[in-house]
Every structure is written in C-alpha cells, then in structure tokens.
N, C-alpha and C. Protein backbone atom coordinates (compact mmCIF):
# COMPACT_ATOMS: atom_id res chain seq x y z
N MET A 1 5.68 -10.93 2.52
CA MET A 1 4.60 -10.60 2.00
C MET A 1 4.68 -8.72 1.14
N LYS A 2 4.16 -8.42 0.27
CA LYS A 2 4.99 -7.11 -0.13
C LYS A 2 3.13 -7.15 -0.37
N VAL A 3 2.25 -5.08 -0.67
CA VAL A 3 1.39 -5.07 -1.40
C VAL A 3 1.60 -4.22 -2.36
N VAL A 4 1.42 -4.21 -3.32
CA VAL A 4 0.91 -3.66 -4.59
C VAL A 4 -0.11 -2.97 -4.27
N PHE A 5 -0.24 -1.10 -4.76
CA PHE A 5 -1.59 -0.52 -5.18
C PHE A 5 -1.39 -0.13 -6.88
N ASP A 6 -2.32 -0.83 -7.65
CA ASP A 6 -3.20 0.02 -8.68
C ASP A 6 -2.75 1.17 -8.74
N SER A 7 -2.45 2.67 -9.98
CA SER A 7 -2.17 3.40 -9.74
C SER A 7 -3.41 3.69 -9.29
N LEU A 8 -4.25 3.21 -10.36
CA LEU A 8 -5.88 3.69 -9.90
C LEU A 8 -6.08 3.83 -8.99
N VAL A 9 -6.00 2.71 -8.02
CA VAL A 9 -6.54 2.66 -6.75
C VAL A 9 -5.52 3.88 -5.96
N GLU A 10 -3.74 3.41 -5.74
CA GLU A 10 -4.46 4.74 -5.31
C GLU A 10 -4.64 6.38 -5.74
N ASP A 11 -5.78 6.34 -7.32
CA ASP A 11 -5.54 7.79 -7.40
C ASP A 11 -6.81 7.98 -6.23
N PHE A 12 -6.97 6.54 -6.12
CA PHE A 12 -9.11 7.15 -5.85
C PHE A 12 -8.80 6.63 -4.13
N LEU A 13 -7.80 6.27 -3.66
CA LEU A 13 -7.58 6.95 -2.16
C LEU A 13 -7.49 8.06 -1.96
N TYR A 14 -6.39 8.65 -2.55
CA TYR A 14 -6.23 10.32 -2.70
C TYR A 14 -7.39 10.91 -2.59
N ASP A 15 -7.80 10.69 -3.84
CA ASP A 15 -10.16 11.21 -4.38
C ASP A 15 -10.92 11.33 -2.45
N LEU A 16 -10.56 9.87 -2.47
CA LEU A 16 -11.67 9.68 -0.95
C LEU A 16 -10.86 10.13 0.31
N VAL A 17 -10.21 10.52 0.60
CA VAL A 17 -9.81 11.66 1.18
C VAL A 17 -10.75 12.83 0.96
N GLU A 18 -10.87 13.51 -0.13
CA GLU A 18 -11.46 14.65 0.01
C GLU A 18 -13.11 14.60 0.24
N ILE A 19 -13.48 13.62 -0.73
CA ILE A 19 -14.76 13.12 -0.73
C ILE A 19 -15.58 12.86 0.50
N LEU A 20 -14.45 11.74 1.58
CA LEU A 20 -15.74 11.87 3.00
C LEU A 20 -15.46 13.36 3.56
N TYR A 21 -14.17 14.20 3.31
CA TYR A 21 -14.71 15.84 3.80
C TYR A 21 -15.36 16.48 3.58
N GLU A 22 -15.56 15.90 2.32
CA GLU A 22 -16.83 16.65 1.37
C GLU A 22 -17.23 17.23 2.24
N LYS A 23 -18.32 16.10 1.85
CA LYS A 23 -19.16 15.53 1.88
C LYS A 23 -19.84 14.87 3.78
N ASN A 24 -19.25 15.92 4.38
CA ASN A 24 -19.74 15.71 5.47
C ASN A 24 -19.53 14.69 6.22
N TYR A 25 -18.63 13.47 6.11
CA TYR A 25 -18.75 11.92 6.33
C TYR A 25 -17.68 12.34 8.05
N PHE A 26 -17.03 13.26 7.49
CA PHE A 26 -16.24 13.79 8.68
C PHE A 26 -15.59 15.50 8.76
N GLU A 27 -15.86 15.45 10.54
CA GLU A 27 -15.55 17.26 9.95
C GLU A 27 -14.76 17.67 10.20
N PHE A 28 -13.47 17.15 10.19
CA PHE A 28 -11.94 17.49 9.94
C PHE A 28 -11.38 16.80 9.20
N TYR A 29 -10.68 17.51 7.86
CA TYR A 29 -10.16 16.69 7.21
C TYR A 29 -9.00 15.69 8.43
N GLU A 30 -8.56 15.95 8.75
CA GLU A 30 -7.64 14.78 9.52
C GLU A 30 -8.50 13.68 10.07
N GLU A 31 -9.45 13.63 10.00
CA GLU A 31 -10.56 12.68 10.34
C GLU A 31 -10.49 12.18 9.35
N ALA A 32 -10.68 13.04 7.94
CA ALA A 32 -11.20 11.69 6.69
C ALA A 32 -9.55 11.26 6.44
N ASP A 33 -8.30 12.11 6.64
CA ASP A 33 -7.15 11.32 6.27
C ASP A 33 -6.71 10.03 7.60
N ASP A 34 -7.13 10.49 8.33
CA ASP A 34 -6.91 9.17 9.16
C ASP A 34 -7.79 7.29 8.71
N TYR A 35 -8.75 7.93 8.25
CA TYR A 35 -9.97 7.00 8.36
C TYR A 35 -9.28 6.56 7.03
N VAL A 36 -8.90 7.35 5.58
CA VAL A 36 -8.18 6.60 5.21
C VAL A 36 -6.58 6.07 4.91
N SER A 37 -5.94 6.43 6.17
CA SER A 37 -4.46 6.19 6.65
C SER A 37 -5.23 4.47 6.47
N GLY A 38 -6.25 4.71 7.75
CA GLY A 38 -7.09 3.45 8.45
C GLY A 38 -6.47 2.03 7.38
N LEU A 39 -7.20 2.86 6.84
CA LEU A 39 -7.89 1.54 6.28
C LEU A 39 -6.76 0.58 4.81
N VAL A 40 -5.94 1.18 4.42
CA VAL A 40 -4.71 1.01 3.63
C VAL A 40 -3.55 0.27 4.33
N TYR A 41 -3.55 0.64 5.84
CA TYR A 41 -3.11 0.16 7.48
C TYR A 41 -3.13 -1.14 7.36
N ASP A 42 -5.01 -1.77 7.17
CA ASP A 42 -5.64 -2.12 7.69
C ASP A 42 -5.57 -3.35 6.19
N ILE A 43 -5.22 -3.26 5.11
CA ILE A 43 -4.83 -3.99 3.91
C ILE A 43 -3.65 -4.18 3.74
N THR A 44 -2.66 -3.35 4.54
CA THR A 44 -1.41 -3.54 3.82
C THR A 44 -0.39 -4.51 5.52
N THR A 45 -1.50 -4.46 6.58
CA THR A 45 -0.90 -5.40 7.43
C THR A 45 -1.95 -7.05 7.20
N SER A 46 -2.96 -6.96 6.87
CA SER A 46 -3.50 -7.93 7.12
C SER A 46 -4.57 -8.89 5.56
N ILE A 47 -4.08 -8.54 4.96
CA ILE A 47 -5.16 -8.93 3.28
C ILE A 47 -4.41 -10.32 3.85
N PRO A 48 -3.51 -11.17 4.31
CA PRO A 48 -3.66 -12.73 3.57
C PRO A 48 -4.09 -13.53 5.02
N TYR A 49 -4.47 -12.05 5.51
CA TYR A 49 -4.96 -13.35 7.01
C TYR A 49 -6.53 -13.43 6.85
N LYS A 50 -7.60 -12.39 5.79
CA LYS A 50 -8.45 -12.65 5.87
C LYS A 50 -9.10 -13.95 5.24
N LEU A 51 -9.95 -14.05 5.70
CA LEU A 51 -11.35 -15.06 3.96
C LEU A 51 -11.39 -14.38 3.03
N GLN A 52 -10.53 -15.59 1.97
CA GLN A 52 -9.95 -15.43 0.40
C GLN A 52 -11.48 -15.34 -0.14
N ARG A 53 -11.88 -14.51 -1.09
CA ARG A 53 -12.89 -15.55 -1.81
C ARG A 53 -12.90 -15.06 -3.16
N PRO A 54 -12.78 -16.01 -4.37
CA PRO A 54 -13.50 -15.33 -6.00
C PRO A 54 -14.95 -13.74 -6.06
N ALA A 55 -13.31 -13.50 -7.05
CA ALA A 55 -14.67 -11.94 -6.94
C ALA A 55 -15.34 -12.42 -7.84
N PRO A 56 -16.92 -12.00 -8.32
CA PRO A 56 -18.19 -11.95 -9.03
C PRO A 56 -17.15 -11.43 -10.53
N PRO A 57 -18.19 -12.54 -11.96
CA PRO A 57 -17.67 -12.26 -12.86
C PRO A 57 -17.55 -9.77 -13.46
N HIS A 58 -18.68 -9.92 -12.15
CA HIS A 58 -19.14 -7.94 -12.91
C HIS A 58 -17.57 -7.21 -12.66
N PHE A 59 -16.51 -7.73 -11.69
CA PHE A 59 -15.19 -7.23 -11.27
C PHE A 59 -13.97 -7.48 -12.75
N ASN A 60 -14.73 -8.38 -13.56
CA ASN A 60 -13.43 -8.43 -13.76
C ASN A 60 -13.12 -7.66 -14.90
N ARG A 61 -13.75 -6.99 -14.86
CA ARG A 61 -13.01 -5.06 -16.04
C ARG A 61 -11.63 -4.71 -15.54
N TYR A 62 -11.43 -5.04 -13.90
CA TYR A 62 -10.56 -4.58 -13.57
C TYR A 62 -9.26 -5.63 -12.98
N GLY A 63 -9.05 -6.95 -14.05
CA GLY A 63 -8.74 -7.76 -13.58
C GLY A 63 -8.72 -9.24 -13.71
N LYS A 64 -8.14 -9.93 -14.14
CA LYS A 64 -8.74 -11.03 -14.43
C LYS A 64 -8.34 -12.75 -13.27
N ASN A 65 -8.92 -13.35 -12.60
CA ASN A 65 -9.14 -14.55 -11.77
C ASN A 65 -8.91 -13.63 -10.41
N MET A 66 -9.88 -12.28 -10.87
CA MET A 66 -9.21 -12.04 -9.22
C MET A 66 -10.31 -12.40 -7.84
N SER A 67 -9.38 -11.94 -6.82
CA SER A 67 -10.06 -12.81 -5.43
C SER A 67 -10.30 -11.66 -4.34
N TYR A 68 -11.31 -11.36 -3.55
CA TYR A 68 -11.87 -10.45 -2.66
C TYR A 68 -11.87 -10.30 -1.22
N VAL A 69 -11.39 -9.43 -0.62
CA VAL A 69 -11.73 -9.42 1.48
C VAL A 69 -12.60 -8.62 1.37
N VAL A 70 -12.80 -8.76 2.53
CA VAL A 70 -13.69 -8.07 3.11
C VAL A 70 -13.14 -6.74 4.14
N PHE A 71 -13.33 -5.18 4.53
CA PHE A 71 -12.40 -4.67 5.95
C PHE A 71 -13.49 -4.22 5.54
N LYS A 72 -14.61 -4.15 7.68
CA LYS A 72 -15.95 -3.77 8.07
C LYS A 72 -14.99 -2.62 8.92
N LYS A 73 -14.89 -1.56 8.48
CA LYS A 73 -14.52 0.10 8.62
C LYS A 73 -15.72 0.89 10.18
N ASN A 74 -17.07 0.63 9.87
CA ASN A 74 -18.08 0.70 10.62
C ASN A 74 -19.13 -0.29 10.93
N ASN A 75 -20.04 0.18 11.57
CA ASN A 75 -21.45 -0.04 11.39
C ASN A 75 -21.73 -0.03 9.86
N TYR A 76 -21.82 1.11 9.26
CA TYR A 76 -22.67 0.96 8.04
C TYR A 76 -21.68 1.17 6.75
N THR A 77 -20.33 1.08 6.77
CA THR A 77 -19.51 0.61 6.28
C THR A 77 -18.93 -0.57 5.78
N GLN A 78 -18.07 -1.50 4.89
CA GLN A 78 -17.55 -2.50 4.74
C GLN A 78 -17.14 -2.37 2.93
N TRP A 79 -15.78 -2.33 3.14
CA TRP A 79 -15.01 -2.23 1.92
C TRP A 79 -14.61 -4.34 1.46
N TYR A 80 -15.14 -3.41 0.04
CA TYR A 80 -14.32 -4.80 -0.75
C TYR A 80 -12.82 -4.97 -1.23
N VAL A 81 -11.85 -5.24 -1.21
CA VAL A 81 -10.94 -5.04 -1.72
C VAL A 81 -10.58 -6.03 -3.20
N PHE A 82 -10.23 -5.54 -3.80
CA PHE A 82 -10.95 -7.15 -5.17
C PHE A 82 -8.90 -6.86 -5.45
N PHE A 83 -8.16 -8.28 -5.83
CA PHE A 83 -6.56 -8.25 -5.67
C PHE A 83 -6.38 -9.31 -6.50
N ASN A 84 -4.83 -9.19 -7.55
CA ASN A 84 -4.56 -10.48 -7.98
C ASN A 84 -3.72 -10.90 -6.97
N GLN A 85 -3.29 -12.32 -6.78
CA GLN A 85 -1.84 -12.73 -5.93
C GLN A 85 -1.21 -13.35 -6.44
N GLU A 86 -0.07 -13.43 -6.49
CA GLU A 86 1.15 -13.93 -7.10
C GLU A 86 2.57 -14.07 -5.89
N ASP A 87 2.52 -15.63 -5.69
CA ASP A 87 3.90 -16.28 -4.46
C ASP A 87 3.37 -15.19 -2.94
N ASP A 88 3.90 -13.87 -2.33
CA ASP A 88 3.71 -12.98 -0.87
C ASP A 88 3.65 -12.04 -1.94
N ILE A 89 2.80 -11.48 -3.30
CA ILE A 89 2.93 -10.28 -3.24
C ILE A 89 1.32 -10.39 -3.81
N TYR A 90 0.58 -9.07 -3.21
CA TYR A 90 -0.70 -8.59 -3.04
C TYR A 90 -0.66 -7.25 -3.82
N TYR A 91 -1.27 -7.53 -5.39
CA TYR A 91 -1.70 -6.81 -6.12
C TYR A 91 -3.30 -5.82 -6.65
N ILE A 92 -3.77 -5.24 -5.65
CA ILE A 92 -4.76 -4.82 -5.33
C ILE A 92 -5.39 -3.54 -6.71
N ARG A 93 -5.83 -3.97 -7.33
CA ARG A 93 -6.98 -3.61 -8.63
C ARG A 93 -8.00 -2.88 -8.31
N TYR A 94 -8.34 -3.19 -7.49
CA TYR A 94 -10.01 -2.92 -7.13
C TYR A 94 -10.18 -1.94 -5.34
N ILE A 95 -10.92 -1.50 -5.29
CA ILE A 95 -11.44 -0.56 -3.80
C ILE A 95 -12.98 -0.69 -4.16
N GLY A 96 -14.14 -0.88 -3.44
CA GLY A 96 -15.70 -0.08 -3.40
C GLY A 96 -16.07 -0.53 -1.33
N ASN A 97 -17.27 -0.25 -2.04
CA ASN A 97 -17.94 -0.53 -0.48
C ASN A 97 -19.23 -0.89 -1.23
N ASN A 98 -19.69 -1.03 0.05
CA ASN A 98 -21.01 -1.83 0.35
C ASN A 98 -22.54 -0.74 -0.72
N HIS A 99 -21.68 0.00 -0.48
CA HIS A 99 -22.53 1.49 -1.02
C HIS A 99 -22.11 1.09 -2.64
N THR A 100 -21.64 0.47 -3.01
CA THR A 100 -21.54 1.20 -4.45
C THR A 100 -21.21 -0.63 -4.94
N CYS A 101 -20.67 -1.43 -4.52
CA CYS A 101 -21.00 -2.44 -5.03
C CYS A 101 -21.22 -3.64 -4.86
N ALA A 102 -22.64 -3.65 -3.55
CA ALA A 102 -22.52 -4.57 -2.82
C ALA A 102 -23.24 -5.34 -3.82
N GLN A 103 -23.93 -4.74 -4.54
CA GLN A 103 -25.28 -5.23 -5.98
C GLN A 103 -24.61 -6.63 -6.55
N TYR A 104 -24.05 -6.42 -6.74
CA TYR A 104 -22.55 -7.22 -7.47
C TYR A 104 -22.46 -8.15 -6.66
N PHE A 105 -22.65 -9.31 -5.62
CA PHE A 105 -21.66 -10.44 -5.19
C PHE A 105 -23.50 -10.44 -5.10
N PRO A 106 -23.69 -12.15 -5.00
CA PRO A 106 -24.39 -13.19 -5.43
C PRO A 106 -25.87 -13.01 -4.33
C-alpha cells in the first residue's frame, strides 16, 4: 500500500499545525505538531482498513469518483479523508473535519 498526498493537502496539514497552536487548541506547538503527525500516521497506516464510502457530490471539486473514510481523533473532532484509489495506491485529495464539512453529508 502507498499513500500519496496532493500538494494542497500537504499545505493544509502544514498550516493546520499553525492554526491549532495559534487558536489555542494546544498549549504547546509540539502538541499541535504531534496531533497532525498522528493524523498523518493514522491515514498512512490504516486507510485500507477503514469503511470506505462514496464521497458526496459537493466534494467533486477535489476529484471525481472519490471515496472517503473517517478518523475520530477525540470526542469533538473527526476527520474526513477524501481519496481516489488505484490498485494499492491511495491518492489523498482533500481532508476536512466535522466542523468544516459535515453539513455536506446526507
């Protein structure tokens, strides 16, 4: 299995560390970095074992015929990871959380 992140997703994850720290979700920068690193680790090691669902039409702007999986990181936040799969390669096209994209799910 190979997981490839779109460059815009990589930028988002990099910026996410800054956002989480600056908005005081984490007291220390290292904690925010560990949180995002943990999310990336979860994605790269367990995406094929998660329940995959077809992505709602709203997310077609990031790619066609995508699927998504959900990663619950705590009691308040779950992350939606949208991807295309070809053989054993997972191409991550978008990542959002329940605070930013849950309204687009039926």
